[in-house]
Amino acid sequence: MGCMMEILAFLIPVALMLGGLALFAFIWSVKSGQFDDPQGAAYRILEDHDRPKT
């Protein structure tokens, strides 16, 4: 039983740090504009820029 408590005492702070890191990365990506245009790529694929100019 003592060994399990030592493992939990290590894993809980590691899990909290990883969760905090993921939250920080998400907040940074939102503030830096990563999600500003979610539909743009969907419409851009329909545009045909490969046609030769006549």
C-alpha atoms as a PDB file:
ATOM      1  CA  MET A   1       0.000   0.000   0.000  1.00  0.00           C
ATOM      2  CA  GLY A   2       2.867   2.385   0.756  1.00  0.00           C
ATOM      3  CA  CYS A   3       4.314   1.999  -2.737  1.00  0.00           C
ATOM      4  CA  MET A   4       0.986   2.954  -4.308  1.00  0.00           C
ATOM      5  CA  MET A   5       0.860   6.160  -2.288  1.00  0.00           C
ATOM      6  CA  GLU A   6       4.376   7.086  -3.426  1.00  0.00           C
ATOM      7  CA  ILE A   7       3.366   6.561  -7.046  1.00  0.00           C
ATOM      8  CA  LEU A   8       0.225   8.669  -6.602  1.00  0.00           C
ATOM      9  CA  ALA A   9       2.246  11.381  -4.862  1.00  0.00           C
ATOM     10  CA  PHE A  10       4.376  11.530  -8.019  1.00  0.00           C
ATOM     11  CA  LEU A  11       1.679  11.101 -10.663  1.00  0.00           C
ATOM     12  CA  ILE A  12      -0.833  13.643  -9.365  1.00  0.00           C
ATOM     13  CA  PRO A  13       1.547  16.636  -9.597  1.00  0.00           C
ATOM     14  CA  VAL A  14       2.776  15.426 -13.005  1.00  0.00           C
ATOM     15  CA  ALA A  15      -0.824  15.200 -14.253  1.00  0.00           C
ATOM     16  CA  LEU A  16      -1.602  18.685 -12.890  1.00  0.00           C
ATOM     17  CA  MET A  17       1.483  20.141 -14.576  1.00  0.00           C
ATOM     18  CA  LEU A  18       0.625  18.519 -17.903  1.00  0.00           C
ATOM     19  CA  GLY A  19      -2.958  19.779 -17.636  1.00  0.00           C
ATOM     20  CA  GLY A  20      -1.705  23.270 -16.837  1.00  0.00           C
ATOM     21  CA  LEU A  21       0.667  23.127 -19.798  1.00  0.00           C
ATOM     22  CA  ALA A  22      -2.167  22.078 -22.107  1.00  0.00           C
ATOM     23  CA  LEU A  23      -4.357  24.893 -20.773  1.00  0.00           C
ATOM     24  CA  PHE A  24      -1.539  27.398 -21.293  1.00  0.00           C
ATOM     25  CA  ALA A  25      -1.009  26.166 -24.876  1.00  0.00           C
ATOM     26  CA  PHE A  26      -4.733  26.450 -25.609  1.00  0.00           C
ATOM     27  CA  ILE A  27      -5.013  29.964 -24.195  1.00  0.00           C
ATOM     28  CA  TRP A  28      -1.897  31.038 -26.108  1.00  0.00           C
ATOM     29  CA  SER A  29      -3.262  29.636 -29.366  1.00  0.00           C
ATOM     30  CA  VAL A  30      -6.585  31.437 -28.911  1.00  0.00           C
ATOM     31  CA  LYS A  31      -4.884  34.748 -28.098  1.00  0.00           C
ATOM     32  CA  SER A  32      -2.479  34.436 -31.042  1.00  0.00           C
ATOM     33  CA  GLY A  33      -5.346  34.010 -33.525  1.00  0.00           C
ATOM     34  CA  GLN A  34      -5.004  30.340 -34.398  1.00  0.00           C
ATOM     35  CA  PHE A  35      -8.789  29.878 -34.436  1.00  0.00           C
ATOM     36  CA  ASP A  36      -9.856  33.160 -36.040  1.00  0.00           C
ATOM     37  CA  ASP A  37     -10.953  31.689 -39.393  1.00  0.00           C
ATOM     38  CA  PRO A  38     -12.144  28.098 -38.989  1.00  0.00           C
ATOM     39  CA  GLN A  39     -14.172  28.137 -42.240  1.00  0.00           C
ATOM     40  CA  GLY A  40     -11.505  29.720 -44.429  1.00  0.00           C
ATOM     41  CA  ALA A  41      -9.652  26.512 -45.255  1.00  0.00           C
ATOM     42  CA  ALA A  42     -12.916  24.765 -46.075  1.00  0.00           C
ATOM     43  CA  TYR A  43     -13.768  27.398 -48.693  1.00  0.00           C
ATOM     44  CA  ARG A  44     -10.212  27.838 -49.960  1.00  0.00           C
ATOM     45  CA  ILE A  45     -10.071  24.221 -51.129  1.00  0.00           C
ATOM     46  CA  LEU A  46     -12.951  24.967 -53.521  1.00  0.00           C
ATOM     47  CA  GLU A  47     -11.079  27.762 -55.283  1.00  0.00           C
ATOM     48  CA  ASP A  48      -9.297  26.760 -58.473  1.00  0.00           C
ATOM     49  CA  HIS A  49      -6.004  28.575 -58.833  1.00  0.00           C
ATOM     50  CA  ASP A  50      -4.495  25.963 -61.156  1.00  0.00           C
ATOM     51  CA  ARG A  51      -6.347  27.030 -64.307  1.00  0.00           C
ATOM     52  CA  PRO A  52      -4.103  28.657 -66.909  1.00  0.00           C
ATOM     53  CA  LYS A  53      -4.830  32.291 -67.655  1.00  0.00           C
ATOM     54  CA  THR A  54      -6.340  32.886 -71.106  1.00  0.00           C
END
